[in-house]
PDB file of N, CA and C in Angstrom:
ATOM      1  N   MET A   1      19.542  13.036  -7.521  1.00  0.00           N
ATOM      2  CA  MET A   1      19.348  11.664  -7.901  1.00  0.00           C
ATOM      3  C   MET A   1      18.714  11.610  -9.123  1.00  0.00           C
ATOM      4  N   ASP A   2      18.932  10.827 -10.081  1.00  0.00           N
ATOM      5  CA  ASP A   2      18.362  10.540 -11.401  1.00  0.00           C
ATOM      6  C   ASP A   2      17.135   9.786 -11.207  1.00  0.00           C
ATOM      7  N   ALA A   3      15.844  10.146 -11.664  1.00  0.00           N
ATOM      8  CA  ALA A   3      14.798   9.398 -11.489  1.00  0.00           C
ATOM      9  C   ALA A   3      14.626   8.092 -12.377  1.00  0.00           C
ATOM     10  N   THR A   4      15.502   8.184 -13.480  1.00  0.00           N
ATOM     11  CA  THR A   4      15.485   7.196 -14.498  1.00  0.00           C
ATOM     12  C   THR A   4      16.475   5.889 -13.995  1.00  0.00           C
ATOM     13  N   TYR A   5      17.293   6.247 -13.069  1.00  0.00           N
ATOM     14  CA  TYR A   5      18.273   5.209 -12.639  1.00  0.00           C
ATOM     15  C   TYR A   5      17.527   4.158 -11.871  1.00  0.00           C
ATOM     16  N   LYS A   6      17.777   2.895 -12.051  1.00  0.00           N
ATOM     17  CA  LYS A   6      17.078   1.848 -11.478  1.00  0.00           C
ATOM     18  C   LYS A   6      18.219   0.821 -11.011  1.00  0.00           C
ATOM     19  N   GLU A   7      18.476   0.867  -9.699  1.00  0.00           N
ATOM     20  CA  GLU A   7      19.431  -0.101  -9.044  1.00  0.00           C
ATOM     21  C   GLU A   7      18.733  -1.587  -8.774  1.00  0.00           C
ATOM     22  N   GLU A   8      19.592  -2.408  -9.024  1.00  0.00           N
ATOM     23  CA  GLU A   8      19.047  -3.832  -8.854  1.00  0.00           C
ATOM     24  C   GLU A   8      18.876  -4.112  -7.213  1.00  0.00           C
ATOM     25  N   LYS A   9      17.396  -4.462  -7.048  1.00  0.00           N
ATOM     26  CA  LYS A   9      17.230  -4.763  -5.506  1.00  0.00           C
ATOM     27  C   LYS A   9      16.648  -5.928  -5.534  1.00  0.00           C
ATOM     28  N   PRO A  10      16.606  -6.756  -4.429  1.00  0.00           N
ATOM     29  CA  PRO A  10      16.086  -8.129  -4.353  1.00  0.00           C
ATOM     30  C   PRO A  10      14.619  -8.028  -4.405  1.00  0.00           C
ATOM     31  N   PRO A  11      14.213  -9.055  -5.049  1.00  0.00           N
ATOM     32  CA  PRO A  11      12.542  -9.125  -5.217  1.00  0.00           C
ATOM     33  C   PRO A  11      11.763  -9.094  -3.923  1.00  0.00           C
ATOM     34  N   ASN A  12      10.577  -8.468  -3.948  1.00  0.00           N
ATOM     35  CA  ASN A  12       9.880  -8.260  -2.668  1.00  0.00           C
ATOM     36  C   ASN A  12       9.442  -9.654  -2.291  1.00  0.00           C
ATOM     37  N   PRO A  13       9.690 -10.016  -1.074  1.00  0.00           N
ATOM     38  CA  PRO A  13       9.005 -11.547  -0.561  1.00  0.00           C
ATOM     39  C   PRO A  13       7.564 -11.582  -0.574  1.00  0.00           C
ATOM     40  N   ARG A  14       7.035 -10.435  -0.271  1.00  0.00           N
ATOM     41  CA  ARG A  14       5.522 -10.531  -0.213  1.00  0.00           C
ATOM     42  C   ARG A  14       4.843 -10.994  -1.553  1.00  0.00           C
ATOM     43  N   SER A  15       5.521 -10.737  -2.694  1.00  0.00           N
ATOM     44  CA  SER A  15       4.947 -11.129  -3.998  1.00  0.00           C
ATOM     45  C   SER A  15       4.711 -12.594  -4.130  1.00  0.00           C
ATOM     46  N   LYS A  16       5.636 -13.436  -3.356  1.00  0.00           N
ATOM     47  CA  LYS A  16       5.687 -14.859  -3.300  1.00  0.00           C
ATOM     48  C   LYS A  16       5.050 -15.357  -2.090  1.00  0.00           C
ATOM     49  N   ALA A  17       4.615 -14.702  -1.308  1.00  0.00           N
ATOM     50  CA  ALA A  17       4.040 -15.153   0.122  1.00  0.00           C
ATOM     51  C   ALA A  17       2.715 -15.804  -0.066  1.00  0.00           C
ATOM     52  N   ASN A  18       2.300 -16.661   0.749  1.00  0.00           N
ATOM     53  CA  ASN A  18       1.014 -17.277   0.899  1.00  0.00           C
ATOM     54  C   ASN A  18       0.228 -16.536   1.795  1.00  0.00           C
ATOM     55  N   ILE A  19      -1.024 -16.871   1.774  1.00  0.00           N
ATOM     56  CA  ILE A  19      -2.054 -16.103   2.526  1.00  0.00           C
ATOM     57  C   ILE A  19      -1.713 -16.117   3.949  1.00  0.00           C
ATOM     58  N   PHE A  20      -1.189 -17.235   4.616  1.00  0.00           N
ATOM     59  CA  PHE A  20      -0.833 -17.257   5.991  1.00  0.00           C
ATOM     60  C   PHE A  20       0.221 -16.190   6.346  1.00  0.00           C
ATOM     61  N   GLU A  21       1.318 -16.289   5.423  1.00  0.00           N
ATOM     62  CA  GLU A  21       2.467 -15.489   5.716  1.00  0.00           C
ATOM     63  C   GLU A  21       2.092 -13.816   5.565  1.00  0.00           C
ATOM     64  N   ILE A  22       1.110 -13.564   4.558  1.00  0.00           N
ATOM     65  CA  ILE A  22       0.598 -12.157   4.480  1.00  0.00           C
ATOM     66  C   ILE A  22      -0.136 -11.829   5.681  1.00  0.00           C
ATOM     67  N   ILE A  23      -1.020 -12.693   6.187  1.00  0.00           N
ATOM     68  CA  ILE A  23      -1.895 -12.257   7.443  1.00  0.00           C
ATOM     69  C   ILE A  23      -1.084 -12.053   8.596  1.00  0.00           C
ATOM     70  N   THR A  24      -0.058 -12.859   8.682  1.00  0.00           N
ATOM     71  CA  THR A  24       0.784 -12.951   9.997  1.00  0.00           C
ATOM     72  C   THR A  24       2.047 -12.050   9.871  1.00  0.00           C
ATOM     73  N   TYR A  25       2.273 -11.522   8.556  1.00  0.00           N
ATOM     74  CA  TYR A  25       3.562 -10.656   8.277  1.00  0.00           C
ATOM     75  C   TYR A  25       4.775 -11.546   8.364  1.00  0.00           C
ATOM     76  N   ARG A  26       4.758 -12.928   8.286  1.00  0.00           N
ATOM     77  CA  ARG A  26       5.821 -13.679   8.365  1.00  0.00           C
ATOM     78  C   ARG A  26       6.805 -13.580   7.033  1.00  0.00           C
ATOM     79  N   TRP A  27       6.455 -12.868   6.061  1.00  0.00           N
ATOM     80  CA  TRP A  27       7.189 -12.666   4.804  1.00  0.00           C
ATOM     81  C   TRP A  27       8.256 -11.637   5.258  1.00  0.00           C
ATOM     82  N   ILE A  28       8.168 -10.705   6.166  1.00  0.00           N
ATOM     83  CA  ILE A  28       8.967  -9.569   6.453  1.00  0.00           C
ATOM     84  C   ILE A  28      10.112 -10.027   7.678  1.00  0.00           C
ATOM     85  N   LEU A  29       9.915 -11.214   8.208  1.00  0.00           N
ATOM     86  CA  LEU A  29      10.924 -11.498   9.435  1.00  0.00           C
ATOM     87  C   LEU A  29      12.110 -11.614   8.997  1.00  0.00           C
ATOM     88  N   ASN A  30      12.611 -12.118   7.741  1.00  0.00           N
ATOM     89  CA  ASN A  30      14.069 -12.229   7.354  1.00  0.00           C
ATOM     90  C   ASN A  30      14.604 -10.581   7.339  1.00  0.00           C
ATOM     91  N   PHE A  31      13.840  -9.761   6.807  1.00  0.00           N
ATOM     92  CA  PHE A  31      14.322  -8.284   6.766  1.00  0.00           C
ATOM     93  C   PHE A  31      14.551  -7.726   8.216  1.00  0.00           C
ATOM     94  N   ILE A  32      13.639  -7.946   9.030  1.00  0.00           N
ATOM     95  CA  ILE A  32      13.571  -7.464  10.409  1.00  0.00           C
ATOM     96  C   ILE A  32      14.951  -8.168  11.146  1.00  0.00           C
ATOM     97  N   LYS A  33      15.163  -9.389  10.911  1.00  0.00           N
ATOM     98  CA  LYS A  33      16.364 -10.104  11.491  1.00  0.00           C
ATOM     99  C   LYS A  33      17.663  -9.424  10.974  1.00  0.00           C
ATOM    100  N   LYS A  34      17.641  -9.103   9.610  1.00  0.00           N
ATOM    101  CA  LYS A  34      18.819  -8.531   9.013  1.00  0.00           C
ATOM    102  C   LYS A  34      19.118  -7.119   9.712  1.00  0.00           C
ATOM    103  N   GLY A  35      17.992  -6.309   9.936  1.00  0.00           N
ATOM    104  CA  GLY A  35      18.066  -5.072  10.486  1.00  0.00           C
ATOM    105  C   GLY A  35      18.479  -5.091  12.017  1.00  0.00           C
ATOM    106  N   LEU A  36      18.218  -6.082  12.727  1.00  0.00           N
ATOM    107  CA  LEU A  36      18.673  -6.392  14.033  1.00  0.00           C
ATOM    108  C   LEU A  36      20.210  -6.650  14.065  1.00  0.00           C
ATOM    109  N   LYS A  37      20.725  -7.332  12.947  1.00  0.00           N
ATOM    110  CA  LYS A  37      22.039  -7.640  13.110  1.00  0.00           C
ATOM    111  C   LYS A  37      22.983  -6.411  12.589  1.00  0.00           C
ATOM    112  N   LYS A  38      22.513  -5.636  11.536  1.00  0.00           N
ATOM    113  CA  LYS A  38      23.283  -4.627  11.001  1.00  0.00           C
ATOM    114  C   LYS A  38      22.422  -3.629  10.662  1.00  0.00           C
ATOM    115  N   GLU A  39      23.010  -2.379  10.463  1.00  0.00           N
ATOM    116  CA  GLU A  39      22.236  -1.198  10.146  1.00  0.00           C
ATOM    117  C   GLU A  39      21.865  -1.474   8.624  1.00  0.00           C
ATOM    118  N   LEU A  40      20.684  -1.142   8.303  1.00  0.00           N
ATOM    119  CA  LEU A  40      20.286  -1.430   6.867  1.00  0.00           C
ATOM    120  C   LEU A  40      20.543  -0.155   6.081  1.00  0.00           C
ATOM    121  N   ASP A  41      20.926  -0.466   4.857  1.00  0.00           N
ATOM    122  CA  ASP A  41      21.150   0.613   3.745  1.00  0.00           C
ATOM    123  C   ASP A  41      20.216   0.442   2.584  1.00  0.00           C
ATOM    124  N   LEU A  42      20.270   1.239   1.550  1.00  0.00           N
ATOM    125  CA  LEU A  42      19.513   1.257   0.519  1.00  0.00           C
ATOM    126  C   LEU A  42      19.345  -0.157  -0.353  1.00  0.00           C
ATOM    127  N   ASN A  43      20.484  -0.754  -0.306  1.00  0.00           N
ATOM    128  CA  ASN A  43      20.898  -2.115  -1.102  1.00  0.00           C
ATOM    129  C   ASN A  43      19.944  -3.223  -0.240  1.00  0.00           C
ATOM    130  N   ASP A  44      19.564  -3.026   0.873  1.00  0.00           N
ATOM    131  CA  ASP A  44      18.832  -4.036   1.560  1.00  0.00           C
ATOM    132  C   ASP A  44      17.480  -3.924   1.259  1.00  0.00           C
ATOM    133  N   LEU A  45      16.951  -2.825   0.834  1.00  0.00           N
ATOM    134  CA  LEU A  45      15.464  -2.809   0.592  1.00  0.00           C
ATOM    135  C   LEU A  45      15.017  -3.436  -0.604  1.00  0.00           C
ATOM    136  N   TYR A  46      13.792  -3.850  -0.578  1.00  0.00           N
ATOM    137  CA  TYR A  46      13.098  -4.736  -1.697  1.00  0.00           C
ATOM    138  C   TYR A  46      12.640  -3.961  -2.761  1.00  0.00           C
ATOM    139  N   ASN A  47      12.421  -4.361  -4.006  1.00  0.00           N
ATOM    140  CA  ASN A  47      11.759  -3.747  -5.052  1.00  0.00           C
ATOM    141  C   ASN A  47      10.287  -3.489  -4.540  1.00  0.00           C
ATOM    142  N   VAL A  48       9.714  -2.483  -5.179  1.00  0.00           N
ATOM    143  CA  VAL A  48       8.323  -2.222  -4.743  1.00  0.00           C
ATOM    144  C   VAL A  48       7.237  -2.948  -5.539  1.00  0.00           C
ATOM    145  N   LEU A  49       6.404  -3.449  -5.012  1.00  0.00           N
ATOM    146  CA  LEU A  49       5.463  -4.249  -5.556  1.00  0.00           C
ATOM    147  C   LEU A  49       4.648  -3.285  -6.648  1.00  0.00           C
ATOM    148  N   ASP A  50       4.212  -3.913  -7.627  1.00  0.00           N
ATOM    149  CA  ASP A  50       3.506  -3.205  -8.753  1.00  0.00           C
ATOM    150  C   ASP A  50       2.348  -2.315  -8.278  1.00  0.00           C
ATOM    151  N   GLY A  51       1.408  -2.816  -7.368  1.00  0.00           N
ATOM    152  CA  GLY A  51       0.383  -2.169  -6.965  1.00  0.00           C
ATOM    153  C   GLY A  51       0.768  -1.117  -6.002  1.00  0.00           C
ATOM    154  N   ASP A  52       1.959  -1.068  -5.447  1.00  0.00           N
ATOM    155  CA  ASP A  52       2.355   0.008  -4.568  1.00  0.00           C
ATOM    156  C   ASP A  52       3.272   1.035  -5.233  1.00  0.00           C
ATOM    157  N   SER A  53       3.553   0.961  -6.442  1.00  0.00           N
ATOM    158  CA  SER A  53       4.373   1.920  -7.155  1.00  0.00           C
ATOM    159  C   SER A  53       3.685   3.259  -7.222  1.00  0.00           C
ATOM    160  N   SER A  54       4.429   4.361  -7.137  1.00  0.00           N
ATOM    161  CA  SER A  54       3.988   5.752  -7.160  1.00  0.00           C
ATOM    162  C   SER A  54       3.202   6.074  -8.576  1.00  0.00           C
ATOM    163  N   THR A  55       3.782   5.437  -9.727  1.00  0.00           N
ATOM    164  CA  THR A  55       3.127   5.574 -10.913  1.00  0.00           C
ATOM    165  C   THR A  55       1.831   5.060 -10.924  1.00  0.00           C
ATOM    166  N   PHE A  56       1.515   3.779 -10.321  1.00  0.00           N
ATOM    167  CA  PHE A  56       0.253   3.137 -10.490  1.00  0.00           C
ATOM    168  C   PHE A  56      -0.720   3.878  -9.585  1.00  0.00           C
ATOM    169  N   LEU A  57      -0.174   4.299  -8.290  1.00  0.00           N
ATOM    170  CA  LEU A  57      -1.152   4.850  -7.466  1.00  0.00           C
ATOM    171  C   LEU A  57      -1.461   6.243  -7.820  1.00  0.00           C
ATOM    172  N   GLY A  58      -0.484   7.048  -8.432  1.00  0.00           N
ATOM    173  CA  GLY A  58      -0.795   8.305  -8.864  1.00  0.00           C
ATOM    174  C   GLY A  58      -1.903   8.245 -10.071  1.00  0.00           C
ATOM    175  N   ASN A  59      -1.664   7.333 -11.037  1.00  0.00           N
ATOM    176  CA  ASN A  59      -2.732   7.344 -12.122  1.00  0.00           C
ATOM    177  C   ASN A  59      -3.939   6.968 -11.531  1.00  0.00           C
ATOM    178  N   LYS A  60      -4.225   6.065 -10.526  1.00  0.00           N
ATOM    179  CA  LYS A  60      -5.419   5.705  -9.908  1.00  0.00           C
ATOM    180  C   LYS A  60      -5.930   6.868  -9.267  1.00  0.00           C
ATOM    181  N   LEU A  61      -5.110   7.508  -8.425  1.00  0.00           N
ATOM    182  CA  LEU A  61      -5.662   8.770  -7.771  1.00  0.00           C
ATOM    183  C   LEU A  61      -6.191   9.846  -8.760  1.00  0.00           C
ATOM    184  N   GLU A  62      -5.490  10.054  -9.720  1.00  0.00           N
ATOM    185  CA  GLU A  62      -5.871  11.011 -10.703  1.00  0.00           C
ATOM    186  C   GLU A  62      -7.317  10.707 -11.488  1.00  0.00           C
ATOM    187  N   LYS A  63      -7.446   9.378 -11.715  1.00  0.00           N
ATOM    188  CA  LYS A  63      -8.615   8.866 -12.137  1.00  0.00           C
ATOM    189  C   LYS A  63      -9.858   9.041 -11.294  1.00  0.00           C
ATOM    190  N   PHE A  64      -9.562   8.828 -10.004  1.00  0.00           N
ATOM    191  CA  PHE A  64     -10.618   8.924  -8.957  1.00  0.00           C
ATOM    192  C   PHE A  64     -10.830  10.489  -8.751  1.00  0.00           C
ATOM    193  N   TRP A  65      -9.783  11.365  -8.845  1.00  0.00           N
ATOM    194  CA  TRP A  65     -10.024  12.762  -8.698  1.00  0.00           C
ATOM    195  C   TRP A  65     -10.806  13.330  -9.858  1.00  0.00           C
ATOM    196  N   ASP A  66     -10.585  12.919 -11.079  1.00  0.00           N
ATOM    197  CA  ASP A  66     -11.230  13.476 -12.338  1.00  0.00           C
ATOM    198  C   ASP A  66     -12.803  13.080 -12.126  1.00  0.00           C
ATOM    199  N   ASP A  67     -12.956  11.840 -11.744  1.00  0.00           N
ATOM    200  CA  ASP A  67     -14.450  11.440 -11.430  1.00  0.00           C
ATOM    201  C   ASP A  67     -15.070  12.354 -10.284  1.00  0.00           C
ATOM    202  N   GLU A  68     -14.370  12.649  -9.342  1.00  0.00           N
ATOM    203  CA  GLU A  68     -14.829  13.522  -8.310  1.00  0.00           C
ATOM    204  C   GLU A  68     -15.163  14.858  -8.768  1.00  0.00           C
ATOM    205  N   LEU A  69     -14.179  15.445  -9.644  1.00  0.00           N
ATOM    206  CA  LEU A  69     -14.363  16.777 -10.235  1.00  0.00           C
ATOM    207  C   LEU A  69     -15.674  16.720 -11.121  1.00  0.00           C
ATOM    208  N   ILE A  70     -15.832  15.717 -11.726  1.00  0.00           N
ATOM    209  CA  ILE A  70     -17.181  15.685 -12.722  1.00  0.00           C
ATOM    210  C   ILE A  70     -18.447  15.520 -11.899  1.00  0.00           C
ATOM    211  N   ASN A  71     -18.332  14.573 -10.724  1.00  0.00           N
ATOM    212  CA  ASN A  71     -19.429  14.452  -9.738  1.00  0.00           C
ATOM    213  C   ASN A  71     -19.781  15.991  -9.010  1.00  0.00           C
ATOM    214  N   ALA A  72     -18.708  16.524  -8.731  1.00  0.00           N
ATOM    215  CA  ALA A  72     -18.939  17.809  -7.993  1.00  0.00           C
ATOM    216  C   ALA A  72     -19.609  18.899  -8.882  1.00  0.00           C
ATOM    217  N   LYS A  73     -19.055  18.751 -10.218  1.00  0.00           N
ATOM    218  CA  LYS A  73     -19.641  19.923 -11.028  1.00  0.00           C
ATOM    219  C   LYS A  73     -21.202  19.608 -11.225  1.00  0.00           C
ATOM    220  N   THR A  74     -21.500  18.263 -11.619  1.00  0.00           N
ATOM    221  CA  THR A  74     -22.882  17.922 -11.988  1.00  0.00           C
ATOM    222  C   THR A  74     -23.882  18.322 -10.780  1.00  0.00           C
ATOM    223  N   LYS A  75     -23.274  18.112  -9.568  1.00  0.00           N
ATOM    224  CA  LYS A  75     -24.035  18.324  -8.200  1.00  0.00           C
ATOM    225  C   LYS A  75     -23.926  19.636  -7.624  1.00  0.00           C
ATOM    226  N   ASN A  76     -23.201  20.676  -8.318  1.00  0.00           N
ATOM    227  CA  ASN A  76     -22.994  22.003  -7.850  1.00  0.00           C
ATOM    228  C   ASN A  76     -22.546  21.996  -6.470  1.00  0.00           C
ATOM    229  N   ARG A  77     -21.252  21.361  -6.221  1.00  0.00           N
ATOM    230  CA  ARG A  77     -20.760  21.299  -4.924  1.00  0.00           C
ATOM    231  C   ARG A  77     -19.071  21.444  -5.227  1.00  0.00           C
ATOM    232  N   GLU A  78     -18.574  21.558  -4.025  1.00  0.00           N
ATOM    233  CA  GLU A  78     -17.126  21.586  -4.132  1.00  0.00           C
ATOM    234  C   GLU A  78     -16.459  20.128  -4.198  1.00  0.00           C
ATOM    235  N   PRO A  79     -15.442  19.921  -4.845  1.00  0.00           N
ATOM    236  CA  PRO A  79     -14.895  18.478  -4.992  1.00  0.00           C
ATOM    237  C   PRO A  79     -14.156  18.304  -3.603  1.00  0.00           C
ATOM    238  N   SER A  80     -14.333  17.195  -3.262  1.00  0.00           N
ATOM    239  CA  SER A  80     -13.677  16.582  -1.932  1.00  0.00           C
ATOM    240  C   SER A  80     -12.593  15.797  -2.043  1.00  0.00           C
ATOM    241  N   PHE A  81     -11.339  16.124  -1.600  1.00  0.00           N
ATOM    242  CA  PHE A  81     -10.245  15.193  -1.763  1.00  0.00           C
ATOM    243  C   PHE A  81     -10.451  14.137  -0.864  1.00  0.00           C
ATOM    244  N   LEU A  82     -11.094  14.190   0.341  1.00  0.00           N
ATOM    245  CA  LEU A  82     -11.315  13.158   1.287  1.00  0.00           C
ATOM    246  C   LEU A  82     -12.078  12.136   0.702  1.00  0.00           C
ATOM    247  N   LYS A  83     -13.143  12.616  -0.045  1.00  0.00           N
ATOM    248  CA  LYS A  83     -14.091  11.522  -0.657  1.00  0.00           C
ATOM    249  C   LYS A  83     -13.349  10.756  -1.673  1.00  0.00           C
ATOM    250  N   THR A  84     -12.377  11.359  -2.487  1.00  0.00           N
ATOM    251  CA  THR A  84     -11.617  10.696  -3.411  1.00  0.00           C
ATOM    252  C   THR A  84     -10.688   9.653  -2.570  1.00  0.00           C
ATOM    253  N   LEU A  85     -10.111  10.017  -1.643  1.00  0.00           N
ATOM    254  CA  LEU A  85      -9.289   9.157  -0.860  1.00  0.00           C
ATOM    255  C   LEU A  85      -9.937   7.849  -0.301  1.00  0.00           C
ATOM    256  N   LEU A  86     -11.264   8.164   0.223  1.00  0.00           N
ATOM    257  CA  LEU A  86     -12.106   7.213   0.714  1.00  0.00           C
ATOM    258  C   LEU A  86     -12.508   6.187  -0.418  1.00  0.00           C
ATOM    259  N   LYS A  87     -12.768   6.689  -1.588  1.00  0.00           N
ATOM    260  CA  LYS A  87     -13.226   5.801  -2.664  1.00  0.00           C
ATOM    261  C   LYS A  87     -12.021   4.992  -3.180  1.00  0.00           C
ATOM    262  N   MET A  88     -10.771   5.517  -3.062  1.00  0.00           N
ATOM    263  CA  MET A  88      -9.582   4.773  -3.445  1.00  0.00           C
ATOM    264  C   MET A  88      -9.037   3.798  -2.449  1.00  0.00           C
ATOM    265  N   PHE A  89      -9.231   4.104  -1.178  1.00  0.00           N
ATOM    266  CA  PHE A  89      -8.568   3.299  -0.126  1.00  0.00           C
ATOM    267  C   PHE A  89      -9.488   2.793   1.035  1.00  0.00           C
ATOM    268  N   GLY A  90     -10.826   3.486   1.021  1.00  0.00           N
ATOM    269  CA  GLY A  90     -11.820   3.169   2.151  1.00  0.00           C
ATOM    270  C   GLY A  90     -12.043   1.670   2.319  1.00  0.00           C
ATOM    271  N   THR A  91     -12.333   1.022   1.264  1.00  0.00           N
ATOM    272  CA  THR A  91     -12.807  -0.370   1.172  1.00  0.00           C
ATOM    273  C   THR A  91     -11.802  -1.281   1.796  1.00  0.00           C
ATOM    274  N   LYS A  92     -10.421  -1.092   1.379  1.00  0.00           N
ATOM    275  CA  LYS A  92      -9.381  -1.849   1.781  1.00  0.00           C
ATOM    276  C   LYS A  92      -9.079  -1.641   3.354  1.00  0.00           C
ATOM    277  N   PHE A  93      -9.161  -0.383   3.731  1.00  0.00           N
ATOM    278  CA  PHE A  93      -8.924  -0.008   5.226  1.00  0.00           C
ATOM    279  C   PHE A  93      -9.959  -0.604   6.118  1.00  0.00           C
ATOM    280  N   LEU A  94     -11.314  -0.573   5.537  1.00  0.00           N
ATOM    281  CA  LEU A  94     -12.421  -1.106   6.233  1.00  0.00           C
ATOM    282  C   LEU A  94     -12.349  -2.534   6.346  1.00  0.00           C
ATOM    283  N   LEU A  95     -12.022  -3.238   5.406  1.00  0.00           N
ATOM    284  CA  LEU A  95     -11.891  -4.727   5.562  1.00  0.00           C
ATOM    285  C   LEU A  95     -10.633  -5.138   6.378  1.00  0.00           C
ATOM    286  N   ILE A  96      -9.644  -4.342   6.326  1.00  0.00           N
ATOM    287  CA  ILE A  96      -8.574  -4.704   7.277  1.00  0.00           C
ATOM    288  C   ILE A  96      -8.959  -4.351   8.787  1.00  0.00           C
ATOM    289  N   GLY A  97      -9.754  -3.258   8.884  1.00  0.00           N
ATOM    290  CA  GLY A  97     -10.184  -2.869  10.198  1.00  0.00           C
ATOM    291  C   GLY A  97     -11.236  -3.943  10.844  1.00  0.00           C
ATOM    292  N   ILE A  98     -12.064  -4.356  10.069  1.00  0.00           N
ATOM    293  CA  ILE A  98     -13.004  -5.577  10.405  1.00  0.00           C
ATOM    294  C   ILE A  98     -12.171  -6.694  10.721  1.00  0.00           C
ATOM    295  N   PHE A  99     -11.259  -7.022   9.891  1.00  0.00           N
ATOM    296  CA  PHE A  99     -10.436  -8.370  10.187  1.00  0.00           C
ATOM    297  C   PHE A  99      -9.788  -8.225  11.439  1.00  0.00           C
ATOM    298  N   PHE A 100      -9.118  -7.108  11.762  1.00  0.00           N
ATOM    299  CA  PHE A 100      -8.370  -7.079  13.022  1.00  0.00           C
ATOM    300  C   PHE A 100      -9.126  -6.916  14.186  1.00  0.00           C
ATOM    301  N   THR A 101     -10.346  -6.299  14.065  1.00  0.00           N
ATOM    302  CA  THR A 101     -11.383  -6.135  15.205  1.00  0.00           C
ATOM    303  C   THR A 101     -11.762  -7.508  15.586  1.00  0.00           C
ATOM    304  N   VAL A 102     -12.138  -8.441  14.525  1.00  0.00           N
ATOM    305  CA  VAL A 102     -12.675  -9.794  14.788  1.00  0.00           C
ATOM    306  C   VAL A 102     -11.555 -10.693  15.440  1.00  0.00           C
ATOM    307  N   LEU A 103     -10.184 -10.352  15.031  1.00  0.00           N
ATOM    308  CA  LEU A 103      -8.996 -11.152  15.365  1.00  0.00           C
ATOM    309  C   LEU A 103      -8.900 -10.896  16.762  1.00  0.00           C
ATOM    310  N   GLN A 104      -9.020  -9.528  17.307  1.00  0.00           N
ATOM    311  CA  GLN A 104      -8.818  -9.164  18.676  1.00  0.00           C
ATOM    312  C   GLN A 104     -10.034  -9.634  19.600  1.00  0.00           C
ATOM    313  N   ILE A 105     -11.232  -9.752  18.981  1.00  0.00           N
ATOM    314  CA  ILE A 105     -12.291 -10.164  19.917  1.00  0.00           C
ATOM    315  C   ILE A 105     -11.978 -11.903  19.997  1.00  0.00           C
ATOM    316  N   ILE A 106     -11.641 -12.504  18.962  1.00  0.00           N
ATOM    317  CA  ILE A 106     -11.322 -13.821  19.156  1.00  0.00           C
ATOM    318  C   ILE A 106     -10.171 -14.222  19.991  1.00  0.00           C
ATOM    319  N   LEU A 107      -9.176 -13.419  20.030  1.00  0.00           N
ATOM    320  CA  LEU A 107      -7.827 -13.691  20.759  1.00  0.00           C
ATOM    321  C   LEU A 107      -7.942 -13.261  22.196  1.00  0.00           C
ATOM    322  N   ARG A 108      -8.955 -12.589  22.550  1.00  0.00           N
ATOM    323  CA  ARG A 108      -9.037 -12.086  23.960  1.00  0.00           C
ATOM    324  C   ARG A 108      -9.800 -13.073  24.719  1.00  0.00           C
TER     325      ARG A 108
END
């Protein structure tokens, strides 16, 4: 497969979803319905959001890893890839976890 080949895919519905649709995952329902009616193929997949592209995430991870290497060297310790991942994704997962915990408490 040629990495430079870009096939036209439908735009990602999450990019135009409002906050209610994002929280409730309403933006994905049409995709699920299509999958229930027929077997999905590559042409049914949406474009990747800019913030989820491997180029963007790879560059971001590289920046955090370089910072971790510098911090580890100045503090005479081994660099930690787990610390790097936590710096990159930790806040997002923590906020999502708190949100869903509160949601579970409210709905019970």
